[in-house]
């Protein structure tokens, strides 16, 4: 089988898990350190990635969320990293359980402001993975600025070589 959205979701779960493992080993001070990026810390960026995955999954399941899942989050670094891994796994498992026909359907949902949209499931899934990749890149930059340079490769090609 060639490259598919199913392989892309497996990649997303793999890459987010590798990142969570890496981040588990950094000092908590660095995880919460304020810096200049889309989100003001690695912690907030991690929560944003998991929030987005939870929101999109909820929409594809026919529900909608009206608040960010992490809005009231008071957990530890380990809890935040667990959310990242679990939200990546949940979306992967859900889509795989639905199969190929589900991926080719279109669904209607409302964004957090209540605006209605209708999109193909597959487009949403490619967006979810691209979104995670984008923010992992930001985290990589934050880590490098903190002089953490021993980073695991999470590029798609690394994943594809791993699963050969």
Foldseek 3Di string as FASTA:
>chain_A
DDDDLLVLLVLLLVLLLQVLVVVVPDDQCQQAQADDDPDGGVLVLLLVLLQLLVQLQQVLVVHHDLDRPCPVPDDDSNVSSVSSNVSSVVSSVVDVVVDDVQQQDKGWDAHNVRHIDIGRNVVSSVVSSVSSVVSVVVVQVSCVVVVNDPGDDSDPVVVVVVVD
